[in-house]
Amino acid sequence: MNKMPKPDRSKTTRRRVAFRLHAPEAESVFATGDAWGWKLKAVPLKRDAEGNWTATKYLPPGEYQYRFVVDGEWADDPACAERADNEFGSQNCMLRVV
């Protein structure tokens, strides 16, 4: 019986993706999206002294949708260049990983 090869999940096949948001008044910031099943606390961002929140993840090439969750509320990424309508009447950011 031939076994299917396992997908290569190493960082060499994935690309570095940085999430950034300036939210100096925020207590917590997370990124979430279809890459993480839209879990509200999927990607925690860390805050610096100037109120900039950042996180880095590695994703395989493809198209993804994401949003931020700031203090428990959905928030847009103001730096997002491309958006897609979602089923809730708002928009998700589009992320293309090549």
C-alpha atoms as a PDB file:
ATOM      1  CA  MET A   1       0.000   0.000   0.000  1.00  0.00           C
ATOM      2  CA  ASN A   2       1.445   3.361  -1.010  1.00  0.00           C
ATOM      3  CA  LYS A   3       1.307   6.080   1.571  1.00  0.00           C
ATOM      4  CA  MET A   4       0.604   9.655   0.594  1.00  0.00           C
ATOM      5  CA  PRO A   5       3.555  11.912   1.368  1.00  0.00           C
ATOM      6  CA  LYS A   6       3.038  14.203   4.312  1.00  0.00           C
ATOM      7  CA  PRO A   7       2.860  17.899   3.490  1.00  0.00           C
ATOM      8  CA  ASP A   8       6.068  19.787   4.151  1.00  0.00           C
ATOM      9  CA  ARG A   9       5.202  22.076   7.059  1.00  0.00           C
ATOM     10  CA  SER A  10       8.695  23.436   7.529  1.00  0.00           C
ATOM     11  CA  LYS A  11       9.325  27.153   7.516  1.00  0.00           C
ATOM     12  CA  THR A  12      11.082  26.780   4.163  1.00  0.00           C
ATOM     13  CA  THR A  13       7.723  26.285   2.415  1.00  0.00           C
ATOM     14  CA  ARG A  14       6.032  28.983   4.432  1.00  0.00           C
ATOM     15  CA  ARG A  15       6.419  32.722   4.198  1.00  0.00           C
ATOM     16  CA  ARG A  16       6.873  35.181   7.024  1.00  0.00           C
ATOM     17  CA  VAL A  17       3.839  37.404   7.559  1.00  0.00           C
ATOM     18  CA  ALA A  18       3.924  40.374   9.925  1.00  0.00           C
ATOM     19  CA  PHE A  19       0.794  41.802  11.526  1.00  0.00           C
ATOM     20  CA  ARG A  20       0.966  45.381  12.812  1.00  0.00           C
ATOM     21  CA  LEU A  21      -1.561  47.737  14.349  1.00  0.00           C
ATOM     22  CA  HIS A  22      -1.130  51.086  16.075  1.00  0.00           C
ATOM     23  CA  ALA A  23      -3.580  51.039  19.003  1.00  0.00           C
ATOM     24  CA  PRO A  24      -2.029  52.866  21.980  1.00  0.00           C
ATOM     25  CA  GLU A  25      -5.203  52.709  24.093  1.00  0.00           C
ATOM     26  CA  ALA A  26      -5.771  48.970  23.594  1.00  0.00           C
ATOM     27  CA  GLU A  27      -5.357  46.418  26.356  1.00  0.00           C
ATOM     28  CA  SER A  28      -5.239  43.401  24.009  1.00  0.00           C
ATOM     29  CA  VAL A  29      -4.922  42.846  20.269  1.00  0.00           C
ATOM     30  CA  PHE A  30      -5.239  39.593  18.341  1.00  0.00           C
ATOM     31  CA  ALA A  31      -5.202  38.745  14.654  1.00  0.00           C
ATOM     32  CA  THR A  32      -7.517  36.048  13.383  1.00  0.00           C
ATOM     33  CA  GLY A  33      -8.723  34.761  10.066  1.00  0.00           C
ATOM     34  CA  ASP A  34      -9.486  31.775   7.933  1.00  0.00           C
ATOM     35  CA  ALA A  35      -5.941  30.434   8.420  1.00  0.00           C
ATOM     36  CA  TRP A  36      -6.806  29.892  12.101  1.00  0.00           C
ATOM     37  CA  GLY A  37     -10.494  29.009  11.845  1.00  0.00           C
ATOM     38  CA  TRP A  38     -11.479  32.544  12.936  1.00  0.00           C
ATOM     39  CA  LYS A  39     -10.613  31.786  16.573  1.00  0.00           C
ATOM     40  CA  LEU A  40     -10.849  35.110  18.407  1.00  0.00           C
ATOM     41  CA  LYS A  41      -7.492  34.787  20.169  1.00  0.00           C
ATOM     42  CA  ALA A  42      -5.596  32.989  17.406  1.00  0.00           C
ATOM     43  CA  VAL A  43      -2.570  35.274  17.051  1.00  0.00           C
ATOM     44  CA  PRO A  44      -1.717  37.474  20.050  1.00  0.00           C
ATOM     45  CA  LEU A  45       0.112  40.684  19.186  1.00  0.00           C
ATOM     46  CA  LYS A  46       2.683  42.241  21.526  1.00  0.00           C
ATOM     47  CA  ARG A  47       2.657  45.935  22.393  1.00  0.00           C
ATOM     48  CA  ASP A  48       5.689  48.209  22.368  1.00  0.00           C
ATOM     49  CA  ALA A  49       6.152  51.457  24.311  1.00  0.00           C
ATOM     50  CA  GLU A  50       4.628  53.550  21.495  1.00  0.00           C
ATOM     51  CA  GLY A  51       1.404  51.532  21.320  1.00  0.00           C
ATOM     52  CA  ASN A  52       2.359  49.534  18.229  1.00  0.00           C
ATOM     53  CA  TRP A  53       1.180  45.939  18.324  1.00  0.00           C
ATOM     54  CA  THR A  54       3.028  43.302  16.279  1.00  0.00           C
ATOM     55  CA  ALA A  55       3.139  39.570  15.650  1.00  0.00           C
ATOM     56  CA  THR A  56       4.868  37.372  13.104  1.00  0.00           C
ATOM     57  CA  LYS A  57       3.513  34.097  11.731  1.00  0.00           C
ATOM     58  CA  TYR A  58       4.543  31.746   8.937  1.00  0.00           C
ATOM     59  CA  LEU A  59       1.924  30.793   6.355  1.00  0.00           C
ATOM     60  CA  PRO A  60       2.063  28.649   3.232  1.00  0.00           C
ATOM     61  CA  PRO A  61       1.487  30.447  -0.063  1.00  0.00           C
ATOM     62  CA  GLY A  62      -2.162  31.227  -0.737  1.00  0.00           C
ATOM     63  CA  GLU A  63      -4.925  33.767  -0.191  1.00  0.00           C
ATOM     64  CA  TYR A  64      -6.171  34.475   3.295  1.00  0.00           C
ATOM     65  CA  GLN A  65      -8.711  36.727   4.979  1.00  0.00           C
ATOM     66  CA  TYR A  66      -8.125  38.228   8.407  1.00  0.00           C
ATOM     67  CA  ARG A  67      -9.238  40.869  10.906  1.00  0.00           C
ATOM     68  CA  PHE A  68      -8.023  42.194  14.229  1.00  0.00           C
ATOM     69  CA  VAL A  69      -9.772  41.764  17.563  1.00  0.00           C
ATOM     70  CA  VAL A  70      -9.025  44.772  19.779  1.00  0.00           C
ATOM     71  CA  ASP A  71     -10.210  44.545  23.384  1.00  0.00           C
ATOM     72  CA  GLY A  72     -12.759  41.925  22.333  1.00  0.00           C
ATOM     73  CA  GLU A  73     -14.151  43.938  19.396  1.00  0.00           C
ATOM     74  CA  TRP A  74     -13.628  43.332  15.686  1.00  0.00           C
ATOM     75  CA  ALA A  75     -11.365  45.939  14.106  1.00  0.00           C
ATOM     76  CA  ASP A  76     -10.147  46.712  10.606  1.00  0.00           C
ATOM     77  CA  ASP A  77      -6.518  46.870   9.594  1.00  0.00           C
ATOM     78  CA  PRO A  78      -6.081  50.458   8.355  1.00  0.00           C
ATOM     79  CA  ALA A  79      -3.015  49.375   6.359  1.00  0.00           C
ATOM     80  CA  CYS A  80      -4.959  46.733   4.429  1.00  0.00           C
ATOM     81  CA  ALA A  81      -4.825  47.392   0.681  1.00  0.00           C
ATOM     82  CA  GLU A  82      -7.396  44.820  -0.439  1.00  0.00           C
ATOM     83  CA  ARG A  83     -10.679  43.858   1.225  1.00  0.00           C
ATOM     84  CA  ALA A  84     -13.468  41.329   0.721  1.00  0.00           C
ATOM     85  CA  ASP A  85     -17.072  41.554   1.903  1.00  0.00           C
ATOM     86  CA  ASN A  86     -18.011  39.101   4.630  1.00  0.00           C
ATOM     87  CA  GLU A  87     -21.343  37.591   5.663  1.00  0.00           C
ATOM     88  CA  PHE A  88     -21.734  40.011   8.577  1.00  0.00           C
ATOM     89  CA  GLY A  89     -21.986  43.174   6.480  1.00  0.00           C
ATOM     90  CA  SER A  90     -18.417  44.301   7.069  1.00  0.00           C
ATOM     91  CA  GLN A  91     -15.168  43.522   5.305  1.00  0.00           C
ATOM     92  CA  ASN A  92     -12.166  41.295   5.896  1.00  0.00           C
ATOM     93  CA  CYS A  93      -8.646  42.139   4.857  1.00  0.00           C
ATOM     94  CA  MET A  94      -7.158  40.062   2.075  1.00  0.00           C
ATOM     95  CA  LEU A  95      -3.653  38.720   2.445  1.00  0.00           C
ATOM     96  CA  ARG A  96      -1.786  37.132  -0.465  1.00  0.00           C
ATOM     97  CA  VAL A  97       1.196  35.017   0.501  1.00  0.00           C
ATOM     98  CA  VAL A  98       3.476  34.196  -2.438  1.00  0.00           C
END
